Amino acid sequence: MSLALYGHPFSSYTQKVLIALYENKTPFEFRGVGPDSPEHTAQWLQRWPLRKFPVLVDGERNVAETSIIIEYLQLAHPGPVRLLPADPMAALDVRFLDRFFDLHVMTPVQRAVDGALTGDPARRDEGRAFAQEKLELAYAWLEGHLAGKTWAAGEDYTMADCAASSSLFYADWTHRIAPAYPMLRAYRERLLARPSCARAVNEARPYRPLFPLGAPDRD
């Protein structure tokens, strides 16, 4: 059985894994979860009742959680782009940055999105304010960290950049990265120009009206 990935093209975490798959041109079947494919939704819930996607299926093995999925792909289906370094200390740096983008960039974005989805103006404003405060802290740290680097962990593209691609894409929609952060703005542009990321962004383009904070007319 070939690899299969359950998820949604507009989901940031689905995009994170899609980018890793596209980086290594790994063959897989995409099984979209949503009202148009109830059979995929039923299969996904059976495989992962916690109702989180993406989920990777490899034969009888179900793999959940994006960072674990990407590490699993490197172990079981390696490709020319090594997304986690062989050196243990360098790998630790990549894992830290991967978690930074998930926890300190994407989580505040999700707080703002969840607030907007309630339809309650007060909760929308609270979520947006929380995201702005936390993202400013993350942007400032990243601006210093990225000095002299091409990618998040240095000169090599890694799992951290897969995480950064989707999180910074939506973060800039939620709270614009200001000109005061030129290193970060340039890094986001490099990420979006990378073919793997550009493909994931283009595949999700039809779903932009679903973004509850209002998708800007760019990217």
N, C-alpha and C. Protein backbone atom coordinates (compact mmCIF):
# COMPACT_ATOMS: atom_id res chain seq x y z
N MET A 1 0.85 -1.20 0.00
CA MET A 1 0.00 0.00 0.00
C MET A 1 0.88 1.24 0.00
N SER A 2 0.55 2.19 -0.85
CA SER A 2 1.32 3.43 -0.91
C SER A 2 0.93 4.33 0.25
N LEU A 3 1.73 5.37 0.43
CA LEU A 3 1.44 6.34 1.48
C LEU A 3 0.15 7.09 1.18
N ALA A 4 -0.57 7.43 2.23
CA ALA A 4 -1.77 8.26 2.11
C ALA A 4 -1.74 9.30 3.21
N LEU A 5 -2.21 10.50 2.88
CA LEU A 5 -2.26 11.58 3.86
C LEU A 5 -3.68 12.12 3.95
N TYR A 6 -4.24 12.07 5.16
CA TYR A 6 -5.54 12.66 5.42
C TYR A 6 -5.33 14.09 5.93
N GLY A 7 -6.06 15.03 5.36
CA GLY A 7 -5.95 16.41 5.80
C GLY A 7 -6.79 17.33 4.95
N HIS A 8 -6.54 18.63 5.09
CA HIS A 8 -7.23 19.63 4.27
C HIS A 8 -6.20 20.60 3.72
N PRO A 9 -6.29 20.95 2.43
CA PRO A 9 -5.27 21.80 1.82
C PRO A 9 -5.09 23.16 2.48
N PHE A 10 -6.14 23.68 3.16
CA PHE A 10 -6.05 25.01 3.75
C PHE A 10 -5.54 24.97 5.19
N SER A 11 -5.39 23.77 5.72
CA SER A 11 -4.89 23.59 7.09
C SER A 11 -3.39 23.83 7.12
N SER A 12 -2.95 24.68 8.04
CA SER A 12 -1.52 24.98 8.12
C SER A 12 -0.70 23.74 8.44
N TYR A 13 -1.22 22.88 9.31
CA TYR A 13 -0.45 21.69 9.69
C TYR A 13 -0.46 20.65 8.58
N THR A 14 -1.55 20.57 7.82
CA THR A 14 -1.53 19.72 6.62
C THR A 14 -0.48 20.23 5.65
N GLN A 15 -0.44 21.54 5.45
CA GLN A 15 0.54 22.12 4.53
C GLN A 15 1.97 21.82 4.97
N LYS A 16 2.21 21.83 6.27
CA LYS A 16 3.55 21.55 6.78
C LYS A 16 4.03 20.18 6.30
N VAL A 17 3.17 19.17 6.38
CA VAL A 17 3.54 17.83 5.93
C VAL A 17 3.56 17.75 4.41
N LEU A 18 2.62 18.40 3.74
CA LEU A 18 2.65 18.41 2.28
C LEU A 18 3.97 18.97 1.76
N ILE A 19 4.44 20.04 2.38
CA ILE A 19 5.71 20.65 1.96
C ILE A 19 6.85 19.65 2.11
N ALA A 20 6.87 18.91 3.21
CA ALA A 20 7.91 17.89 3.40
C ALA A 20 7.83 16.81 2.33
N LEU A 21 6.62 16.38 2.01
CA LEU A 21 6.45 15.37 0.96
C LEU A 21 6.89 15.91 -0.40
N TYR A 22 6.51 17.14 -0.69
CA TYR A 22 6.87 17.74 -1.98
C TYR A 22 8.38 17.98 -2.09
N GLU A 23 9.02 18.30 -0.97
CA GLU A 23 10.47 18.54 -0.99
C GLU A 23 11.22 17.32 -1.55
N ASN A 24 10.78 16.14 -1.16
CA ASN A 24 11.47 14.92 -1.57
C ASN A 24 10.75 14.16 -2.68
N LYS A 25 9.71 14.81 -3.24
CA LYS A 25 8.94 14.19 -4.32
C LYS A 25 8.50 12.77 -3.93
N THR A 26 8.06 12.65 -2.69
CA THR A 26 7.63 11.36 -2.17
C THR A 26 6.23 11.03 -2.70
N PRO A 27 6.04 9.90 -3.36
CA PRO A 27 4.70 9.55 -3.87
C PRO A 27 3.73 9.30 -2.72
N PHE A 28 2.52 9.81 -2.84
CA PHE A 28 1.50 9.58 -1.83
C PHE A 28 0.14 9.92 -2.43
N GLU A 29 -0.90 9.44 -1.76
CA GLU A 29 -2.27 9.77 -2.13
C GLU A 29 -2.82 10.75 -1.12
N PHE A 30 -3.35 11.87 -1.59
CA PHE A 30 -3.97 12.83 -0.68
C PHE A 30 -5.44 12.52 -0.54
N ARG A 31 -5.89 12.38 0.70
CA ARG A 31 -7.29 12.10 0.98
C ARG A 31 -7.88 13.27 1.75
N GLY A 32 -8.56 14.13 1.03
CA GLY A 32 -9.10 15.34 1.63
C GLY A 32 -10.23 15.05 2.60
N VAL A 33 -10.19 15.69 3.74
CA VAL A 33 -11.21 15.55 4.77
C VAL A 33 -12.17 16.73 4.66
N GLY A 34 -13.45 16.46 4.53
CA GLY A 34 -14.42 17.53 4.40
C GLY A 34 -15.75 17.01 3.93
N PRO A 35 -16.73 17.90 3.79
CA PRO A 35 -18.09 17.47 3.42
C PRO A 35 -18.17 16.85 2.03
N ASP A 36 -17.22 17.17 1.15
CA ASP A 36 -17.26 16.60 -0.20
C ASP A 36 -16.72 15.18 -0.27
N SER A 37 -16.10 14.72 0.82
CA SER A 37 -15.53 13.36 0.82
C SER A 37 -15.81 12.70 2.16
N PRO A 38 -17.09 12.38 2.44
CA PRO A 38 -17.45 11.79 3.74
C PRO A 38 -16.75 10.47 4.02
N GLU A 39 -16.40 9.73 2.95
CA GLU A 39 -15.72 8.46 3.17
C GLU A 39 -14.33 8.68 3.75
N HIS A 40 -13.65 9.74 3.29
CA HIS A 40 -12.34 10.06 3.85
C HIS A 40 -12.46 10.50 5.31
N THR A 41 -13.49 11.28 5.59
CA THR A 41 -13.69 11.74 6.96
C THR A 41 -13.92 10.57 7.90
N ALA A 42 -14.73 9.61 7.47
CA ALA A 42 -15.00 8.44 8.30
C ALA A 42 -13.73 7.62 8.52
N GLN A 43 -12.93 7.45 7.47
CA GLN A 43 -11.68 6.70 7.60
C GLN A 43 -10.71 7.41 8.53
N TRP A 44 -10.63 8.72 8.38
CA TRP A 44 -9.73 9.53 9.23
C TRP A 44 -10.10 9.41 10.70
N LEU A 45 -11.39 9.53 11.02
CA LEU A 45 -11.84 9.44 12.41
C LEU A 45 -11.62 8.05 12.98
N GLN A 46 -11.73 7.05 12.15
CA GLN A 46 -11.47 5.69 12.62
C GLN A 46 -9.99 5.51 12.95
N ARG A 47 -9.14 6.13 12.13
CA ARG A 47 -7.70 5.98 12.33
C ARG A 47 -7.18 6.87 13.46
N TRP A 48 -7.84 8.03 13.69
CA TRP A 48 -7.35 8.97 14.71
C TRP A 48 -8.55 9.67 15.35
N PRO A 49 -9.15 9.05 16.36
CA PRO A 49 -10.37 9.58 16.96
C PRO A 49 -10.20 10.93 17.65
N LEU A 50 -8.96 11.40 17.82
CA LEU A 50 -8.75 12.70 18.44
C LEU A 50 -9.13 13.85 17.51
N ARG A 51 -9.52 13.53 16.27
CA ARG A 51 -10.08 14.49 15.33
C ARG A 51 -9.09 15.60 14.95
N LYS A 52 -7.83 15.23 14.85
CA LYS A 52 -6.82 16.18 14.41
C LYS A 52 -6.20 15.68 13.11
N PHE A 53 -5.98 16.60 12.18
CA PHE A 53 -5.24 16.21 10.99
C PHE A 53 -4.05 17.13 10.78
N PRO A 54 -3.06 16.66 10.03
CA PRO A 54 -3.06 15.49 9.15
C PRO A 54 -2.73 14.18 9.88
N VAL A 55 -3.03 13.09 9.21
CA VAL A 55 -2.64 11.75 9.62
C VAL A 55 -2.04 11.05 8.41
N LEU A 56 -0.86 10.49 8.58
CA LEU A 56 -0.21 9.74 7.51
C LEU A 56 -0.48 8.26 7.71
N VAL A 57 -0.79 7.56 6.61
CA VAL A 57 -1.01 6.12 6.64
C VAL A 57 0.05 5.45 5.78
N ASP A 58 0.73 4.49 6.38
CA ASP A 58 1.75 3.72 5.67
C ASP A 58 1.49 2.25 5.98
N GLY A 59 0.77 1.58 5.07
CA GLY A 59 0.38 0.20 5.33
C GLY A 59 -0.56 0.13 6.51
N GLU A 60 -0.17 -0.61 7.55
CA GLU A 60 -0.99 -0.74 8.75
C GLU A 60 -0.66 0.32 9.79
N ARG A 61 0.30 1.16 9.52
CA ARG A 61 0.74 2.15 10.51
C ARG A 61 0.05 3.49 10.26
N ASN A 62 -0.51 4.06 11.33
CA ASN A 62 -1.06 5.41 11.31
C ASN A 62 -0.11 6.32 12.08
N VAL A 63 0.28 7.43 11.48
CA VAL A 63 1.23 8.34 12.10
C VAL A 63 0.57 9.71 12.23
N ALA A 64 0.46 10.20 13.46
CA ALA A 64 -0.14 11.51 13.73
C ALA A 64 0.92 12.46 14.25
N GLU A 65 0.56 13.74 14.27
CA GLU A 65 1.41 14.84 14.72
C GLU A 65 2.48 15.16 13.66
N THR A 66 2.45 16.41 13.22
CA THR A 66 3.24 16.78 12.03
C THR A 66 4.73 16.53 12.16
N SER A 67 5.32 16.91 13.27
CA SER A 67 6.76 16.73 13.42
C SER A 67 7.13 15.24 13.41
N ILE A 68 6.30 14.42 14.05
CA ILE A 68 6.53 12.98 14.06
C ILE A 68 6.36 12.41 12.65
N ILE A 69 5.37 12.90 11.92
CA ILE A 69 5.18 12.44 10.54
C ILE A 69 6.42 12.73 9.70
N ILE A 70 6.95 13.94 9.81
CA ILE A 70 8.12 14.29 9.00
C ILE A 70 9.33 13.46 9.39
N GLU A 71 9.52 13.25 10.69
CA GLU A 71 10.63 12.40 11.11
C GLU A 71 10.42 10.96 10.64
N TYR A 72 9.18 10.49 10.68
CA TYR A 72 8.89 9.14 10.20
C TYR A 72 9.21 9.03 8.70
N LEU A 73 8.83 10.02 7.93
CA LEU A 73 9.12 9.99 6.50
C LEU A 73 10.63 9.90 6.25
N GLN A 74 11.42 10.61 7.04
CA GLN A 74 12.87 10.55 6.85
C GLN A 74 13.41 9.16 7.18
N LEU A 75 12.83 8.50 8.18
CA LEU A 75 13.28 7.17 8.55
C LEU A 75 12.81 6.09 7.57
N ALA A 76 11.53 6.16 7.19
CA ALA A 76 10.94 5.08 6.40
C ALA A 76 10.93 5.34 4.90
N HIS A 77 10.92 6.62 4.51
CA HIS A 77 10.85 6.97 3.09
C HIS A 77 11.79 8.14 2.81
N PRO A 78 13.09 7.95 3.04
CA PRO A 78 14.04 9.06 2.88
C PRO A 78 14.15 9.51 1.43
N GLY A 79 14.47 10.79 1.29
CA GLY A 79 14.67 11.37 -0.04
C GLY A 79 15.95 12.18 -0.06
N PRO A 80 16.19 12.89 -1.15
CA PRO A 80 17.45 13.64 -1.28
C PRO A 80 17.58 14.81 -0.31
N VAL A 81 16.46 15.37 0.16
CA VAL A 81 16.51 16.49 1.10
C VAL A 81 16.37 15.93 2.51
N ARG A 82 17.45 16.04 3.28
CA ARG A 82 17.41 15.55 4.66
C ARG A 82 16.83 16.64 5.54
N LEU A 83 15.63 16.43 6.04
CA LEU A 83 14.91 17.47 6.78
C LEU A 83 15.28 17.50 8.26
N LEU A 84 16.00 16.50 8.73
CA LEU A 84 16.51 16.50 10.09
C LEU A 84 17.98 16.09 10.02
N PRO A 85 18.91 16.91 10.52
CA PRO A 85 20.33 16.60 10.38
C PRO A 85 20.72 15.30 11.08
N ALA A 86 21.79 14.68 10.57
CA ALA A 86 22.30 13.46 11.20
C ALA A 86 22.97 13.76 12.53
N ASP A 87 23.62 14.91 12.64
CA ASP A 87 24.29 15.28 13.88
C ASP A 87 23.24 15.53 14.98
N PRO A 88 23.35 14.87 16.13
CA PRO A 88 22.31 14.99 17.16
C PRO A 88 22.11 16.40 17.68
N MET A 89 23.19 17.17 17.87
CA MET A 89 23.03 18.52 18.37
C MET A 89 22.38 19.43 17.33
N ALA A 90 22.77 19.26 16.07
CA ALA A 90 22.14 20.04 15.00
C ALA A 90 20.66 19.66 14.87
N ALA A 91 20.35 18.37 15.05
CA ALA A 91 18.96 17.93 15.00
C ALA A 91 18.15 18.53 16.14
N LEU A 92 18.79 18.67 17.30
CA LEU A 92 18.10 19.29 18.44
C LEU A 92 17.74 20.74 18.14
N ASP A 93 18.65 21.46 17.48
CA ASP A 93 18.36 22.84 17.10
C ASP A 93 17.17 22.91 16.15
N VAL A 94 17.11 21.98 15.20
CA VAL A 94 16.01 21.95 14.24
C VAL A 94 14.70 21.63 14.95
N ARG A 95 14.73 20.68 15.87
CA ARG A 95 13.51 20.34 16.61
C ARG A 95 13.02 21.53 17.44
N PHE A 96 13.96 22.25 18.04
CA PHE A 96 13.56 23.44 18.81
C PHE A 96 12.87 24.45 17.90
N LEU A 97 13.46 24.73 16.76
CA LEU A 97 12.88 25.72 15.86
C LEU A 97 11.54 25.26 15.31
N ASP A 98 11.43 23.98 15.03
CA ASP A 98 10.15 23.41 14.60
C ASP A 98 9.08 23.68 15.66
N ARG A 99 9.42 23.43 16.92
CA ARG A 99 8.46 23.69 17.99
C ARG A 99 8.19 25.18 18.16
N PHE A 100 9.20 26.01 17.95
CA PHE A 100 9.01 27.45 18.07
C PHE A 100 7.94 27.91 17.08
N PHE A 101 8.04 27.49 15.84
CA PHE A 101 7.07 27.94 14.84
C PHE A 101 5.67 27.39 15.13
N ASP A 102 5.60 26.15 15.59
CA ASP A 102 4.28 25.59 15.90
C ASP A 102 3.66 26.26 17.13
N LEU A 103 4.45 26.42 18.18
CA LEU A 103 3.90 26.88 19.46
C LEU A 103 3.81 28.39 19.60
N HIS A 104 4.81 29.10 19.06
CA HIS A 104 4.89 30.54 19.31
C HIS A 104 4.47 31.40 18.11
N VAL A 105 4.25 30.76 16.97
CA VAL A 105 3.73 31.49 15.81
C VAL A 105 2.33 30.97 15.45
N MET A 106 2.23 29.65 15.22
CA MET A 106 0.94 29.13 14.75
C MET A 106 -0.12 29.11 15.85
N THR A 107 0.27 28.84 17.09
CA THR A 107 -0.72 28.81 18.16
C THR A 107 -1.41 30.16 18.37
N PRO A 108 -0.68 31.29 18.41
CA PRO A 108 -1.38 32.58 18.50
C PRO A 108 -2.30 32.85 17.31
N VAL A 109 -1.86 32.44 16.12
CA VAL A 109 -2.72 32.60 14.94
C VAL A 109 -4.02 31.82 15.14
N GLN A 110 -3.89 30.59 15.63
CA GLN A 110 -5.08 29.77 15.83
C GLN A 110 -6.00 30.37 16.87
N ARG A 111 -5.43 31.02 17.88
CA ARG A 111 -6.26 31.70 18.91
C ARG A 111 -7.10 32.80 18.26
N ALA A 112 -6.50 33.56 17.37
CA ALA A 112 -7.24 34.62 16.67
C ALA A 112 -8.29 34.03 15.75
N VAL A 113 -7.95 32.97 15.06
CA VAL A 113 -8.91 32.33 14.15
C VAL A 113 -10.08 31.75 14.93
N ASP A 114 -9.79 31.07 16.04
CA ASP A 114 -10.86 30.48 16.85
C ASP A 114 -11.79 31.57 17.39
N GLY A 115 -11.20 32.70 17.82
CA GLY A 115 -12.03 33.79 18.31
C GLY A 115 -12.97 34.32 17.25
N ALA A 116 -12.46 34.45 16.02
CA ALA A 116 -13.29 34.95 14.92
C ALA A 116 -14.39 33.96 14.56
N LEU A 117 -14.09 32.67 14.66
CA LEU A 117 -15.07 31.65 14.28
C LEU A 117 -16.26 31.60 15.23
N THR A 118 -16.11 32.11 16.44
CA THR A 118 -17.24 32.11 17.38
C THR A 118 -18.36 33.04 16.94
N GLY A 119 -18.01 34.06 16.15
CA GLY A 119 -19.01 35.05 15.77
C GLY A 119 -19.26 36.10 16.84
N ASP A 120 -18.57 35.98 17.96
CA ASP A 120 -18.71 36.93 19.07
C ASP A 120 -17.66 38.03 18.90
N PRO A 121 -18.08 39.28 18.70
CA PRO A 121 -17.10 40.36 18.48
C PRO A 121 -16.09 40.49 19.61
N ALA A 122 -16.53 40.29 20.85
CA ALA A 122 -15.61 40.42 21.99
C ALA A 122 -14.54 39.34 21.94
N ARG A 123 -14.93 38.11 21.62
CA ARG A 123 -13.96 37.02 21.55
C ARG A 123 -13.06 37.17 20.32
N ARG A 124 -13.60 37.72 19.28
CA ARG A 124 -12.77 38.00 18.11
C ARG A 124 -11.69 39.02 18.47
N ASP A 125 -12.08 40.10 19.14
CA ASP A 125 -11.11 41.13 19.51
C ASP A 125 -10.08 40.59 20.49
N GLU A 126 -10.53 39.76 21.44
CA GLU A 126 -9.61 39.17 22.42
C GLU A 126 -8.59 38.27 21.73
N GLY A 127 -9.05 37.45 20.81
CA GLY A 127 -8.15 36.55 20.09
C GLY A 127 -7.16 37.30 19.24
N ARG A 128 -7.63 38.34 18.59
CA ARG A 128 -6.75 39.15 17.74
C ARG A 128 -5.70 39.87 18.58
N ALA A 129 -6.11 40.42 19.73
CA ALA A 129 -5.17 41.13 20.60
C ALA A 129 -4.12 40.17 21.15
N PHE A 130 -4.56 38.98 21.55
CA PHE A 130 -3.61 37.97 22.05
C PHE A 130 -2.59 37.62 20.98
N ALA A 131 -3.09 37.40 19.76
CA ALA A 131 -2.19 37.02 18.65
C ALA A 131 -1.19 38.13 18.36
N GLN A 132 -1.64 39.35 18.35
CA GLN A 132 -0.74 40.46 18.05
C GLN A 132 0.38 40.56 19.09
N GLU A 133 0.02 40.41 20.36
CA GLU A 133 1.03 40.49 21.42
C GLU A 133 2.05 39.37 21.29
N LYS A 134 1.58 38.14 21.13
CA LYS A 134 2.48 37.00 21.08
C LYS A 134 3.30 36.98 19.78
N LEU A 135 2.68 37.35 18.67
CA LEU A 135 3.41 37.35 17.40
C LEU A 135 4.50 38.42 17.38
N GLU A 136 4.24 39.56 17.99
CA GLU A 136 5.29 40.58 18.06
C GLU A 136 6.51 40.04 18.80
N LEU A 137 6.29 39.31 19.88
CA LEU A 137 7.40 38.71 20.61
C LEU A 137 8.15 37.71 19.74
N ALA A 138 7.39 36.88 19.02
CA ALA A 138 8.01 35.88 18.15
C ALA A 138 8.76 36.54 16.99
N TYR A 139 8.16 37.56 16.38
CA TYR A 139 8.81 38.26 15.26
C TYR A 139 10.14 38.87 15.71
N ALA A 140 10.13 39.50 16.87
CA ALA A 140 11.35 40.15 17.35
C ALA A 140 12.45 39.13 17.60
N TRP A 141 12.11 37.99 18.16
CA TRP A 141 13.13 36.96 18.40
C TRP A 141 13.65 36.41 17.08
N LEU A 142 12.74 36.15 16.16
CA LEU A 142 13.16 35.59 14.87
C LEU A 142 14.03 36.57 14.09
N GLU A 143 13.75 37.85 14.18
CA GLU A 143 14.55 38.85 13.47
C GLU A 143 16.01 38.73 13.88
N GLY A 144 16.28 38.60 15.16
CA GLY A 144 17.65 38.43 15.60
C GLY A 144 18.22 37.08 15.26
N HIS A 145 17.41 36.05 15.38
CA HIS A 145 17.88 34.69 15.12
C HIS A 145 18.28 34.49 13.67
N LEU A 146 17.55 35.10 12.74
CA LEU A 146 17.75 34.85 11.31
C LEU A 146 18.94 35.60 10.72
N ALA A 147 19.54 36.48 11.46
CA ALA A 147 20.68 37.25 10.93
C ALA A 147 21.78 36.30 10.46
N GLY A 148 22.18 36.47 9.21
CA GLY A 148 23.25 35.66 8.65
C GLY A 148 22.84 34.27 8.21
N LYS A 149 21.55 33.95 8.26
CA LYS A 149 21.07 32.61 7.89
C LYS A 149 20.21 32.69 6.63
N THR A 150 20.30 31.64 5.83
CA THR A 150 19.40 31.51 4.68
C THR A 150 18.08 30.88 5.11
N TRP A 151 18.20 29.81 5.91
CA TRP A 151 17.03 29.09 6.40
C TRP A 151 17.03 29.13 7.93
N ALA A 152 16.02 28.58 8.54
CA ALA A 152 15.83 28.75 9.98
C ALA A 152 17.02 28.27 10.80
N ALA A 153 17.62 27.14 10.40
CA ALA A 153 18.71 26.57 11.18
C ALA A 153 20.08 26.81 10.54
N GLY A 154 20.13 27.57 9.47
CA GLY A 154 21.42 27.84 8.82
C GLY A 154 21.29 27.81 7.31
N GLU A 155 22.21 27.09 6.66
CA GLU A 155 22.23 27.06 5.19
C GLU A 155 21.41 25.92 4.61
N ASP A 156 21.02 24.96 5.43
CA ASP A 156 20.26 23.81 4.94
C ASP A 156 18.78 23.96 5.25
N TYR A 157 17.95 23.61 4.28
CA TYR A 157 16.50 23.60 4.45
C TYR A 157 16.13 22.37 5.28
N THR A 158 15.33 22.56 6.34
CA THR A 158 15.02 21.48 7.26
C THR A 158 13.53 21.45 7.62
N MET A 159 13.21 20.53 8.52
CA MET A 159 11.85 20.44 9.05
C MET A 159 11.39 21.76 9.66
N ALA A 160 12.31 22.51 10.24
CA ALA A 160 11.93 23.81 10.82
C ALA A 160 11.38 24.74 9.77
N ASP A 161 11.90 24.66 8.56
CA ASP A 161 11.41 25.53 7.49
C ASP A 161 10.05 25.07 6.98
N CYS A 162 9.79 23.75 7.03
CA CYS A 162 8.45 23.27 6.71
C CYS A 162 7.44 23.88 7.67
N ALA A 163 7.80 23.90 8.96
CA ALA A 163 6.91 24.49 9.97
C ALA A 163 6.77 26.00 9.77
N ALA A 164 7.88 26.65 9.46
CA ALA A 164 7.87 28.10 9.28
C ALA A 164 7.02 28.51 8.08
N SER A 165 7.06 27.72 7.03
CA SER A 165 6.36 28.08 5.80
C SER A 165 4.88 28.32 6.04
N SER A 166 4.22 27.34 6.66
CA SER A 166 2.78 27.47 6.87
C SER A 166 2.46 28.44 8.00
N SER A 167 3.25 28.42 9.07
CA SER A 167 2.92 29.29 10.21
C SER A 167 3.12 30.77 9.87
N LEU A 168 4.24 31.10 9.23
CA LEU A 168 4.48 32.50 8.87
C LEU A 168 3.54 32.98 7.77
N PHE A 169 3.12 32.06 6.91
CA PHE A 169 2.15 32.43 5.87
C PHE A 169 0.89 32.99 6.52
N TYR A 170 0.32 32.26 7.47
CA TYR A 170 -0.92 32.70 8.11
C TYR A 170 -0.68 33.77 9.17
N ALA A 171 0.50 33.75 9.79
CA ALA A 171 0.78 34.78 10.81
C ALA A 171 0.78 36.18 10.19
N ASP A 172 1.37 36.31 9.01
CA ASP A 172 1.42 37.61 8.36
C ASP A 172 0.03 38.08 7.95
N TRP A 173 -0.87 37.15 7.68
CA TRP A 173 -2.26 37.51 7.42
C TRP A 173 -2.95 37.99 8.69
N THR A 174 -2.57 37.43 9.83
CA THR A 174 -3.22 37.71 11.10
C THR A 174 -2.68 39.00 11.73
N HIS A 175 -1.36 39.15 11.69
CA HIS A 175 -0.70 40.36 12.22
C HIS A 175 0.51 40.61 11.33
N ARG A 176 0.40 41.60 10.49
CA ARG A 176 1.40 41.85 9.44
C ARG A 176 2.81 41.99 10.02
N ILE A 177 3.76 41.34 9.39
CA ILE A 177 5.16 41.48 9.78
C ILE A 177 5.63 42.86 9.34
N ALA A 178 5.99 43.70 10.29
CA ALA A 178 6.29 45.10 10.01
C ALA A 178 7.64 45.26 9.32
N PRO A 179 7.84 46.39 8.62
CA PRO A 179 9.14 46.68 8.00
C PRO A 179 10.29 46.70 9.00
N ALA A 180 9.98 46.81 10.28
CA ALA A 180 11.03 46.79 11.31
C ALA A 180 11.70 45.42 11.41
N TYR A 181 11.15 44.43 10.71
CA TYR A 181 11.71 43.08 10.73
C TYR A 181 12.11 42.64 9.32
N PRO A 182 13.10 43.29 8.72
CA PRO A 182 13.46 42.98 7.33
C PRO A 182 14.00 41.56 7.14
N MET A 183 14.73 41.03 8.11
CA MET A 183 15.24 39.66 7.99
C MET A 183 14.09 38.67 7.93
N LEU A 184 13.11 38.86 8.79
CA LEU A 184 11.97 37.95 8.84
C LEU A 184 11.11 38.07 7.59
N ARG A 185 10.91 39.29 7.12
CA ARG A 185 10.12 39.47 5.90
C ARG A 185 10.81 38.80 4.70
N ALA A 186 12.11 38.95 4.62
CA ALA A 186 12.85 38.32 3.51
C ALA A 186 12.82 36.80 3.62
N TYR A 187 12.91 36.29 4.84
CA TYR A 187 12.84 34.84 5.05
C TYR A 187 11.49 34.30 4.61
N ARG A 188 10.41 34.98 4.98
CA ARG A 188 9.08 34.54 4.55
C ARG A 188 8.98 34.53 3.03
N GLU A 189 9.55 35.52 2.38
CA GLU A 189 9.53 35.55 0.91
C GLU A 189 10.29 34.36 0.32
N ARG A 190 11.44 34.02 0.93
CA ARG A 190 12.20 32.85 0.45
C ARG A 190 11.39 31.57 0.62
N LEU A 191 10.73 31.46 1.74
CA LEU A 191 9.90 30.27 1.97
C LEU A 191 8.81 30.14 0.92
N LEU A 192 8.10 31.23 0.67
CA LEU A 192 6.98 31.19 -0.28
C LEU A 192 7.45 30.96 -1.71
N ALA A 193 8.70 31.33 -2.01
CA ALA A 193 9.24 31.12 -3.35
C ALA A 193 9.73 29.69 -3.57
N ARG A 194 9.93 28.95 -2.50
CA ARG A 194 10.40 27.57 -2.61
C ARG A 194 9.31 26.74 -3.30
N PRO A 195 9.63 25.94 -4.32
CA PRO A 195 8.59 25.24 -5.08
C PRO A 195 7.65 24.39 -4.23
N SER A 196 8.16 23.74 -3.21
CA SER A 196 7.30 22.89 -2.37
C SER A 196 6.25 23.73 -1.66
N CYS A 197 6.64 24.88 -1.13
CA CYS A 197 5.70 25.76 -0.44
C CYS A 197 4.75 26.41 -1.44
N ALA A 198 5.27 26.87 -2.56
CA ALA A 198 4.42 27.51 -3.57
C ALA A 198 3.33 26.56 -4.04
N ARG A 199 3.67 25.28 -4.18
CA ARG A 199 2.67 24.30 -4.60
C ARG A 199 1.58 24.15 -3.55
N ALA A 200 1.96 24.04 -2.27
CA ALA A 200 0.96 23.90 -1.21
C ALA A 200 0.07 25.14 -1.12
N VAL A 201 0.66 26.32 -1.25
CA VAL A 201 -0.12 27.56 -1.21
C VAL A 201 -1.11 27.62 -2.37
N ASN A 202 -0.67 27.24 -3.56
CA ASN A 202 -1.54 27.30 -4.73
C ASN A 202 -2.68 26.29 -4.64
N GLU A 203 -2.39 25.12 -4.08
CA GLU A 203 -3.44 24.11 -3.94
C GLU A 203 -4.52 24.56 -2.96
N ALA A 204 -4.14 25.41 -2.01
CA ALA A 204 -5.10 25.89 -1.01
C ALA A 204 -5.81 27.16 -1.44
N ARG A 205 -5.40 27.74 -2.54
CA ARG A 205 -5.94 29.04 -2.95
C ARG A 205 -7.47 29.08 -3.06
N PRO A 206 -8.14 28.03 -3.55
CA PRO A 206 -9.61 28.10 -3.65
C PRO A 206 -10.32 28.25 -2.32
N TYR A 207 -9.63 27.94 -1.22
CA TYR A 207 -10.28 27.96 0.09
C TYR A 207 -10.07 29.26 0.85
N ARG A 208 -9.44 30.24 0.24
CA ARG A 208 -9.13 31.47 0.96
C ARG A 208 -10.35 32.20 1.53
N PRO A 209 -11.51 32.14 0.88
CA PRO A 209 -12.68 32.81 1.50
C PRO A 209 -13.05 32.23 2.86
N LEU A 210 -12.51 31.05 3.21
CA LEU A 210 -12.83 30.45 4.50
C LEU A 210 -12.04 31.07 5.65
N PHE A 211 -11.01 31.86 5.35
CA PHE A 211 -10.20 32.41 6.43
C PHE A 211 -11.03 33.44 7.19
N PRO A 212 -11.34 33.18 8.47
CA PRO A 212 -12.35 34.01 9.16
C PRO A 212 -11.89 35.42 9.47
N LEU A 213 -10.58 35.68 9.42
CA LEU A 213 -10.09 37.05 9.67
C LEU A 213 -10.04 37.88 8.40
N GLY A 214 -10.35 37.24 7.26
CA GLY A 214 -10.29 37.92 5.98
C GLY A 214 -8.94 37.74 5.32
N ALA A 215 -8.90 36.99 4.24
CA ALA A 215 -7.64 36.75 3.54
C ALA A 215 -7.24 37.99 2.75
N PRO A 216 -6.03 38.49 2.94
CA PRO A 216 -5.60 39.67 2.17
C PRO A 216 -5.39 39.32 0.71
N ASP A 217 -5.45 40.32 -0.13
CA ASP A 217 -5.28 40.11 -1.57
C ASP A 217 -3.80 40.14 -1.93
N ARG A 218 -3.06 39.14 -1.44
CA ARG A 218 -1.63 39.02 -1.72
C ARG A 218 -1.21 37.57 -1.48
N ASP A 219 0.08 37.31 -1.67
CA ASP A 219 0.62 35.96 -1.53
C ASP A 219 -0.02 35.02 -2.53
